[in-house]
Amino acid sequence: MVEAGLTAAEALRTATVNPARLFASQAAGTVAAGQRADLLLLDANPVMDVRNSQRIRGVVLRGRFLNRKSLDELLQAARLAESN
């Protein structure tokens, strides 16, 4: 999307907040106690450079924190399963 002319912030909104609004998620874009949130924790600000969205340090998925090591192990397991 950035290559097509959007700013990094516009591209991020288009990929995250806008779909949540489309599907009527009332809490779209909020992080607060009691809210359901899946989050990416990044090493650098993606608004400064959208490629920073690939610098994933961790993920909160359904209330469970997965650090970089856990993510790498999951990716490796998926690759092994795919090759078998």
PDB file of N, CA and C in Angstrom:
ATOM      1  N   MET A   1       0.816  -1.183   0.000  1.00  0.00           N
ATOM      2  CA  MET A   1       0.000   0.000   0.000  1.00  0.00           C
ATOM      3  C   MET A   1       0.870   1.262   0.000  1.00  0.00           C
ATOM      4  N   VAL A   2       1.997   1.178   0.693  1.00  0.00           N
ATOM      5  CA  VAL A   2       2.914   2.325   0.708  1.00  0.00           C
ATOM      6  C   VAL A   2       3.486   2.542  -0.686  1.00  0.00           C
ATOM      7  N   GLU A   3       3.812   1.457  -1.362  1.00  0.00           N
ATOM      8  CA  GLU A   3       4.327   1.578  -2.733  1.00  0.00           C
ATOM      9  C   GLU A   3       3.294   2.192  -3.666  1.00  0.00           C
ATOM     10  N   ALA A   4       2.015   2.031  -3.323  1.00  0.00           N
ATOM     11  CA  ALA A   4       0.944   2.609  -4.139  1.00  0.00           C
ATOM     12  C   ALA A   4       0.684   4.075  -3.809  1.00  0.00           C
ATOM     13  N   GLY A   5       1.360   4.597  -2.771  1.00  0.00           N
ATOM     14  CA  GLY A   5       1.238   6.019  -2.476  1.00  0.00           C
ATOM     15  C   GLY A   5       0.692   6.393  -1.111  1.00  0.00           C
ATOM     16  N   LEU A   6       0.235   5.412  -0.331  1.00  0.00           N
ATOM     17  CA  LEU A   6      -0.242   5.730   1.012  1.00  0.00           C
ATOM     18  C   LEU A   6       0.940   5.992   1.940  1.00  0.00           C
ATOM     19  N   THR A   7       0.720   6.802   2.952  1.00  0.00           N
ATOM     20  CA  THR A   7       1.746   6.949   3.986  1.00  0.00           C
ATOM     21  C   THR A   7       1.739   5.672   4.829  1.00  0.00           C
ATOM     22  N   ALA A   8       2.775   5.494   5.623  1.00  0.00           N
ATOM     23  CA  ALA A   8       2.833   4.317   6.498  1.00  0.00           C
ATOM     24  C   ALA A   8       1.626   4.298   7.439  1.00  0.00           C
ATOM     25  N   ALA A   9       1.283   5.448   8.018  1.00  0.00           N
ATOM     26  CA  ALA A   9       0.137   5.518   8.927  1.00  0.00           C
ATOM     27  C   ALA A   9      -1.163   5.154   8.209  1.00  0.00           C
ATOM     28  N   GLU A  10      -1.345   5.648   7.004  1.00  0.00           N
ATOM     29  CA  GLU A  10      -2.558   5.326   6.229  1.00  0.00           C
ATOM     30  C   GLU A  10      -2.610   3.842   5.914  1.00  0.00           C
ATOM     31  N   ALA A  11      -1.494   3.270   5.537  1.00  0.00           N
ATOM     32  CA  ALA A  11      -1.444   1.840   5.220  1.00  0.00           C
ATOM     33  C   ALA A  11      -1.767   0.999   6.448  1.00  0.00           C
ATOM     34  N   LEU A  12      -1.210   1.389   7.598  1.00  0.00           N
ATOM     35  CA  LEU A  12      -1.487   0.649   8.832  1.00  0.00           C
ATOM     36  C   LEU A  12      -2.960   0.734   9.220  1.00  0.00           C
ATOM     37  N   ARG A  13      -3.556   1.927   9.111  1.00  0.00           N
ATOM     38  CA  ARG A  13      -4.984   2.072   9.402  1.00  0.00           C
ATOM     39  C   ARG A  13      -5.820   1.235   8.437  1.00  0.00           C
ATOM     40  N   THR A  14      -5.436   1.237   7.171  1.00  0.00           N
ATOM     41  CA  THR A  14      -6.181   0.489   6.160  1.00  0.00           C
ATOM     42  C   THR A  14      -6.151  -1.006   6.448  1.00  0.00           C
ATOM     43  N   ALA A  15      -5.057  -1.484   7.007  1.00  0.00           N
ATOM     44  CA  ALA A  15      -4.915  -2.908   7.282  1.00  0.00           C
ATOM     45  C   ALA A  15      -5.425  -3.334   8.651  1.00  0.00           C
ATOM     46  N   THR A  16      -5.693  -2.385   9.545  1.00  0.00           N
ATOM     47  CA  THR A  16      -6.056  -2.757  10.913  1.00  0.00           C
ATOM     48  C   THR A  16      -7.377  -2.140  11.367  1.00  0.00           C
ATOM     49  N   VAL A  17      -7.401  -0.849  11.572  1.00  0.00           N
ATOM     50  CA  VAL A  17      -8.584  -0.179  12.133  1.00  0.00           C
ATOM     51  C   VAL A  17      -9.755  -0.217  11.164  1.00  0.00           C
ATOM     52  N   ASN A  18      -9.513   0.053   9.907  1.00  0.00           N
ATOM     53  CA  ASN A  18     -10.625   0.096   8.943  1.00  0.00           C
ATOM     54  C   ASN A  18     -11.369  -1.239   8.835  1.00  0.00           C
ATOM     55  N   PRO A  19     -10.681  -2.391   8.738  1.00  0.00           N
ATOM     56  CA  PRO A  19     -11.432  -3.656   8.705  1.00  0.00           C
ATOM     57  C   PRO A  19     -12.229  -3.897   9.989  1.00  0.00           C
ATOM     58  N   ALA A  20     -11.662  -3.523  11.128  1.00  0.00           N
ATOM     59  CA  ALA A  20     -12.393  -3.688  12.387  1.00  0.00           C
ATOM     60  C   ALA A  20     -13.672  -2.856  12.370  1.00  0.00           C
ATOM     61  N   ARG A  21     -13.591  -1.655  11.863  1.00  0.00           N
ATOM     62  CA  ARG A  21     -14.797  -0.811  11.764  1.00  0.00           C
ATOM     63  C   ARG A  21     -15.803  -1.410  10.793  1.00  0.00           C
ATOM     64  N   LEU A  22     -15.308  -1.929   9.692  1.00  0.00           N
ATOM     65  CA  LEU A  22     -16.189  -2.546   8.701  1.00  0.00           C
ATOM     66  C   LEU A  22     -16.987  -3.691   9.310  1.00  0.00           C
ATOM     67  N   PHE A  23     -16.326  -4.462  10.152  1.00  0.00           N
ATOM     68  CA  PHE A  23     -16.988  -5.606  10.773  1.00  0.00           C
ATOM     69  C   PHE A  23     -17.615  -5.251  12.114  1.00  0.00           C
ATOM     70  N   ALA A  24     -17.787  -3.952  12.360  1.00  0.00           N
ATOM     71  CA  ALA A  24     -18.538  -3.420  13.501  1.00  0.00           C
ATOM     72  C   ALA A  24     -17.961  -3.807  14.852  1.00  0.00           C
ATOM     73  N   SER A  25     -16.665  -3.874  14.959  1.00  0.00           N
ATOM     74  CA  SER A  25     -16.048  -4.095  16.257  1.00  0.00           C
ATOM     75  C   SER A  25     -16.074  -2.773  17.014  1.00  0.00           C
ATOM     76  N   GLN A  26     -16.830  -2.725  18.087  1.00  0.00           N
ATOM     77  CA  GLN A  26     -16.993  -1.483  18.830  1.00  0.00           C
ATOM     78  C   GLN A  26     -15.705  -1.026  19.496  1.00  0.00           C
ATOM     79  N   ALA A  27     -14.830  -1.951  19.820  1.00  0.00           N
ATOM     80  CA  ALA A  27     -13.603  -1.613  20.543  1.00  0.00           C
ATOM     81  C   ALA A  27     -12.407  -1.515  19.600  1.00  0.00           C
ATOM     82  N   ALA A  28     -12.659  -1.318  18.337  1.00  0.00           N
ATOM     83  CA  ALA A  28     -11.573  -1.281  17.354  1.00  0.00           C
ATOM     84  C   ALA A  28     -10.525  -0.251  17.744  1.00  0.00           C
ATOM     85  N   GLY A  29      -9.295  -0.702  17.798  1.00  0.00           N
ATOM     86  CA  GLY A  29      -8.195   0.210  18.057  1.00  0.00           C
ATOM     87  C   GLY A  29      -7.986   0.567  19.502  1.00  0.00           C
ATOM     88  N   THR A  30      -8.649  -0.140  20.426  1.00  0.00           N
ATOM     89  CA  THR A  30      -8.467   0.161  21.834  1.00  0.00           C
ATOM     90  C   THR A  30      -7.722  -0.966  22.535  1.00  0.00           C
ATOM     91  N   VAL A  31      -6.921  -0.586  23.505  1.00  0.00           N
ATOM     92  CA  VAL A  31      -6.255  -1.536  24.387  1.00  0.00           C
ATOM     93  C   VAL A  31      -6.627  -1.116  25.796  1.00  0.00           C
ATOM     94  N   ALA A  32      -7.405  -1.943  26.461  1.00  0.00           N
ATOM     95  CA  ALA A  32      -7.864  -1.610  27.806  1.00  0.00           C
ATOM     96  C   ALA A  32      -8.272  -2.888  28.528  1.00  0.00           C
ATOM     97  N   ALA A  33      -8.266  -2.820  29.849  1.00  0.00           N
ATOM     98  CA  ALA A  33      -8.697  -3.962  30.653  1.00  0.00           C
ATOM     99  C   ALA A  33     -10.104  -4.381  30.227  1.00  0.00           C
ATOM    100  N   GLY A  34     -10.300  -5.683  30.075  1.00  0.00           N
ATOM    101  CA  GLY A  34     -11.594  -6.210  29.705  1.00  0.00           C
ATOM    102  C   GLY A  34     -11.852  -6.270  28.212  1.00  0.00           C
ATOM    103  N   GLN A  35     -11.009  -5.636  27.403  1.00  0.00           N
ATOM    104  CA  GLN A  35     -11.161  -5.683  25.945  1.00  0.00           C
ATOM    105  C   GLN A  35     -10.456  -6.917  25.406  1.00  0.00           C
ATOM    106  N   ARG A  36     -10.988  -7.468  24.352  1.00  0.00           N
ATOM    107  CA  ARG A  36     -10.324  -8.560  23.661  1.00  0.00           C
ATOM    108  C   ARG A  36      -9.330  -7.929  22.701  1.00  0.00           C
ATOM    109  N   ALA A  37      -8.065  -8.335  22.802  1.00  0.00           N
ATOM    110  CA  ALA A  37      -7.061  -7.711  21.943  1.00  0.00           C
ATOM    111  C   ALA A  37      -6.007  -8.722  21.540  1.00  0.00           C
ATOM    112  N   ASP A  38      -5.737  -8.779  20.268  1.00  0.00           N
ATOM    113  CA  ASP A  38      -4.579  -9.485  19.740  1.00  0.00           C
ATOM    114  C   ASP A  38      -3.623  -8.388  19.314  1.00  0.00           C
ATOM    115  N   LEU A  39      -2.388  -8.455  19.787  1.00  0.00           N
ATOM    116  CA  LEU A  39      -1.441  -7.376  19.562  1.00  0.00           C
ATOM    117  C   LEU A  39      -0.117  -7.885  19.027  1.00  0.00           C
ATOM    118  N   LEU A  40       0.511  -7.074  18.208  1.00  0.00           N
ATOM    119  CA  LEU A  40       1.898  -7.289  17.810  1.00  0.00           C
ATOM    120  C   LEU A  40       2.748  -6.307  18.598  1.00  0.00           C
ATOM    121  N   LEU A  41       3.834  -6.778  19.159  1.00  0.00           N
ATOM    122  CA  LEU A  41       4.788  -5.913  19.835  1.00  0.00           C
ATOM    123  C   LEU A  41       6.005  -5.824  18.932  1.00  0.00           C
ATOM    124  N   LEU A  42       6.323  -4.625  18.508  1.00  0.00           N
ATOM    125  CA  LEU A  42       7.365  -4.409  17.511  1.00  0.00           C
ATOM    126  C   LEU A  42       8.620  -3.802  18.120  1.00  0.00           C
ATOM    127  N   ASP A  43       9.749  -4.017  17.448  1.00  0.00           N
ATOM    128  CA  ASP A  43      11.024  -3.441  17.873  1.00  0.00           C
ATOM    129  C   ASP A  43      11.186  -1.990  17.438  1.00  0.00           C
ATOM    130  N   ALA A  44      10.386  -1.547  16.499  1.00  0.00           N
ATOM    131  CA  ALA A  44      10.527  -0.189  15.975  1.00  0.00           C
ATOM    132  C   ALA A  44       9.159   0.299  15.498  1.00  0.00           C
ATOM    133  N   ASN A  45       9.029   1.607  15.392  1.00  0.00           N
ATOM    134  CA  ASN A  45       7.774   2.254  15.043  1.00  0.00           C
ATOM    135  C   ASN A  45       7.452   2.077  13.552  1.00  0.00           C
ATOM    136  N   PRO A  46       6.345   1.406  13.220  1.00  0.00           N
ATOM    137  CA  PRO A  46       5.989   1.202  11.814  1.00  0.00           C
ATOM    138  C   PRO A  46       5.502   2.463  11.115  1.00  0.00           C
ATOM    139  N   VAL A  47       5.124   3.488  11.870  1.00  0.00           N
ATOM    140  CA  VAL A  47       4.713   4.745  11.249  1.00  0.00           C
ATOM    141  C   VAL A  47       5.938   5.458  10.671  1.00  0.00           C
ATOM    142  N   MET A  48       7.084   5.262  11.294  1.00  0.00           N
ATOM    143  CA  MET A  48       8.322   5.862  10.782  1.00  0.00           C
ATOM    144  C   MET A  48       8.780   5.160   9.502  1.00  0.00           C
ATOM    145  N   ASP A  49       8.595   3.844   9.464  1.00  0.00           N
ATOM    146  CA  ASP A  49       8.955   3.031   8.292  1.00  0.00           C
ATOM    147  C   ASP A  49       8.084   1.792   8.343  1.00  0.00           C
ATOM    148  N   VAL A  50       7.211   1.628   7.380  1.00  0.00           N
ATOM    149  CA  VAL A  50       6.239   0.531   7.400  1.00  0.00           C
ATOM    150  C   VAL A  50       6.932  -0.829   7.448  1.00  0.00           C
ATOM    151  N   ARG A  51       8.172  -0.911   7.005  1.00  0.00           N
ATOM    152  CA  ARG A  51       8.900  -2.188   7.082  1.00  0.00           C
ATOM    153  C   ARG A  51       9.147  -2.610   8.523  1.00  0.00           C
ATOM    154  N   ASN A  52       9.064  -1.671   9.446  1.00  0.00           N
ATOM    155  CA  ASN A  52       9.217  -2.017  10.864  1.00  0.00           C
ATOM    156  C   ASN A  52       8.096  -2.931  11.351  1.00  0.00           C
ATOM    157  N   SER A  53       7.011  -3.013  10.603  1.00  0.00           N
ATOM    158  CA  SER A  53       5.922  -3.923  10.972  1.00  0.00           C
ATOM    159  C   SER A  53       6.368  -5.382  10.897  1.00  0.00           C
ATOM    160  N   GLN A  54       7.490  -5.630  10.267  1.00  0.00           N
ATOM    161  CA  GLN A  54       8.040  -6.983  10.180  1.00  0.00           C
ATOM    162  C   GLN A  54       8.983  -7.305  11.345  1.00  0.00           C
ATOM    163  N   ARG A  55       9.296  -6.316  12.160  1.00  0.00           N
ATOM    164  CA  ARG A  55      10.227  -6.496  13.270  1.00  0.00           C
ATOM    165  C   ARG A  55       9.464  -6.877  14.537  1.00  0.00           C
ATOM    166  N   ILE A  56       8.905  -8.069  14.512  1.00  0.00           N
ATOM    167  CA  ILE A  56       8.011  -8.528  15.570  1.00  0.00           C
ATOM    168  C   ILE A  56       8.820  -9.071  16.751  1.00  0.00           C
ATOM    169  N   ARG A  57       8.609  -8.470  17.906  1.00  0.00           N
ATOM    170  CA  ARG A  57       9.270  -8.901  19.142  1.00  0.00           C
ATOM    171  C   ARG A  57       8.426  -9.937  19.874  1.00  0.00           C
ATOM    172  N   GLY A  58       7.097  -9.780  19.798  1.00  0.00           N
ATOM    173  CA  GLY A  58       6.194 -10.691  20.483  1.00  0.00           C
ATOM    174  C   GLY A  58       4.769 -10.478  20.008  1.00  0.00           C
ATOM    175  N   VAL A  59       3.909 -11.377  20.442  1.00  0.00           N
ATOM    176  CA  VAL A  59       2.503 -11.335  20.064  1.00  0.00           C
ATOM    177  C   VAL A  59       1.675 -11.656  21.300  1.00  0.00           C
ATOM    178  N   VAL A  60       0.598 -10.941  21.467  1.00  0.00           N
ATOM    179  CA  VAL A  60      -0.416 -11.327  22.447  1.00  0.00           C
ATOM    180  C   VAL A  60      -1.577 -11.864  21.627  1.00  0.00           C
ATOM    181  N   LEU A  61      -1.876 -13.141  21.804  1.00  0.00           N
ATOM    182  CA  LEU A  61      -2.916 -13.806  21.022  1.00  0.00           C
ATOM    183  C   LEU A  61      -3.877 -14.488  21.975  1.00  0.00           C
ATOM    184  N   ARG A  62      -5.131 -14.015  21.966  1.00  0.00           N
ATOM    185  CA  ARG A  62      -6.168 -14.557  22.855  1.00  0.00           C
ATOM    186  C   ARG A  62      -5.711 -14.563  24.312  1.00  0.00           C
ATOM    187  N   GLY A  63      -5.036 -13.492  24.713  1.00  0.00           N
ATOM    188  CA  GLY A  63      -4.603 -13.343  26.089  1.00  0.00           C
ATOM    189  C   GLY A  63      -3.310 -14.052  26.441  1.00  0.00           C
ATOM    190  N   ARG A  64      -2.683 -14.709  25.477  1.00  0.00           N
ATOM    191  CA  ARG A  64      -1.441 -15.457  25.723  1.00  0.00           C
ATOM    192  C   ARG A  64      -0.282 -14.718  25.064  1.00  0.00           C
ATOM    193  N   PHE A  65       0.793 -14.476  25.828  1.00  0.00           N
ATOM    194  CA  PHE A  65       1.968 -13.800  25.288  1.00  0.00           C
ATOM    195  C   PHE A  65       2.921 -14.808  24.674  1.00  0.00           C
ATOM    196  N   LEU A  66       3.319 -14.555  23.435  1.00  0.00           N
ATOM    197  CA  LEU A  66       4.313 -15.376  22.740  1.00  0.00           C
ATOM    198  C   LEU A  66       5.512 -14.492  22.443  1.00  0.00           C
ATOM    199  N   ASN A  67       6.665 -14.807  23.042  1.00  0.00           N
ATOM    200  CA  ASN A  67       7.864 -14.014  22.782  1.00  0.00           C
ATOM    201  C   ASN A  67       8.493 -14.447  21.458  1.00  0.00           C
ATOM    202  N   ARG A  68       9.555 -13.772  21.060  1.00  0.00           N
ATOM    203  CA  ARG A  68      10.193 -14.039  19.777  1.00  0.00           C
ATOM    204  C   ARG A  68      10.637 -15.489  19.666  1.00  0.00           C
ATOM    205  N   LYS A  69      11.197 -16.042  20.737  1.00  0.00           N
ATOM    206  CA  LYS A  69      11.650 -17.444  20.723  1.00  0.00           C
ATOM    207  C   LYS A  69      10.475 -18.383  20.476  1.00  0.00           C
ATOM    208  N   SER A  70       9.371 -18.153  21.162  1.00  0.00           N
ATOM    209  CA  SER A  70       8.180 -18.990  20.972  1.00  0.00           C
ATOM    210  C   SER A  70       7.650 -18.887  19.546  1.00  0.00           C
ATOM    211  N   LEU A  71       7.652 -17.677  18.999  1.00  0.00           N
ATOM    212  CA  LEU A  71       7.196 -17.488  17.617  1.00  0.00           C
ATOM    213  C   LEU A  71       8.088 -18.225  16.636  1.00  0.00           C
ATOM    214  N   ASP A  72       9.398 -18.133  16.842  1.00  0.00           N
ATOM    215  CA  ASP A  72      10.329 -18.834  15.955  1.00  0.00           C
ATOM    216  C   ASP A  72      10.138 -20.345  16.035  1.00  0.00           C
ATOM    217  N   GLU A  73       9.890 -20.863  17.246  1.00  0.00           N
ATOM    218  CA  GLU A  73       9.641 -22.300  17.400  1.00  0.00           C
ATOM    219  C   GLU A  73       8.364 -22.719  16.678  1.00  0.00           C
ATOM    220  N   LEU A  74       7.330 -21.907  16.765  1.00  0.00           N
ATOM    221  CA  LEU A  74       6.085 -22.206  16.049  1.00  0.00           C
ATOM    222  C   LEU A  74       6.292 -22.186  14.536  1.00  0.00           C
ATOM    223  N   LEU A  75       7.045 -21.206  14.063  1.00  0.00           N
ATOM    224  CA  LEU A  75       7.337 -21.137  12.626  1.00  0.00           C
ATOM    225  C   LEU A  75       8.134 -22.352  12.156  1.00  0.00           C
ATOM    226  N   GLN A  76       9.109 -22.753  12.952  1.00  0.00           N
ATOM    227  CA  GLN A  76       9.909 -23.926  12.596  1.00  0.00           C
ATOM    228  C   GLN A  76       9.037 -25.182  12.567  1.00  0.00           C
ATOM    229  N   ALA A  77       8.176 -25.345  13.546  1.00  0.00           N
ATOM    230  CA  ALA A  77       7.271 -26.500  13.578  1.00  0.00           C
ATOM    231  C   ALA A  77       6.351 -26.503  12.368  1.00  0.00           C
ATOM    232  N   ALA A  78       5.861 -25.345  11.976  1.00  0.00           N
ATOM    233  CA  ALA A  78       4.986 -25.244  10.797  1.00  0.00           C
ATOM    234  C   ALA A  78       5.740 -25.620   9.535  1.00  0.00           C
ATOM    235  N   ARG A  79       6.996 -25.158   9.425  1.00  0.00           N
ATOM    236  CA  ARG A  79       7.796 -25.505   8.253  1.00  0.00           C
ATOM    237  C   ARG A  79       8.050 -27.006   8.175  1.00  0.00           C
ATOM    238  N   LEU A  80       8.351 -27.624   9.326  1.00  0.00           N
ATOM    239  CA  LEU A  80       8.584 -29.058   9.358  1.00  0.00           C
ATOM    240  C   LEU A  80       7.320 -29.825   8.989  1.00  0.00           C
ATOM    241  N   ALA A  81       6.184 -29.387   9.505  1.00  0.00           N
ATOM    242  CA  ALA A  81       4.917 -30.052   9.196  1.00  0.00           C
ATOM    243  C   ALA A  81       4.591 -29.916   7.709  1.00  0.00           C
ATOM    244  N   GLU A  82       4.912 -28.759   7.140  1.00  0.00           N
ATOM    245  CA  GLU A  82       4.629 -28.520   5.717  1.00  0.00           C
ATOM    246  C   GLU A  82       5.497 -29.405   4.829  1.00  0.00           C
ATOM    247  N   SER A  83       6.724 -29.651   5.259  1.00  0.00           N
ATOM    248  CA  SER A  83       7.643 -30.440   4.429  1.00  0.00           C
ATOM    249  C   SER A  83       7.392 -31.933   4.538  1.00  0.00           C
ATOM    250  N   ASN A  84       6.604 -32.365   5.513  1.00  0.00           N
ATOM    251  CA  ASN A  84       6.315 -33.808   5.672  1.00  0.00           C
ATOM    252  C   ASN A  84       5.095 -34.218   4.936  1.00  0.00           C
TER     253      ASN A  84
END
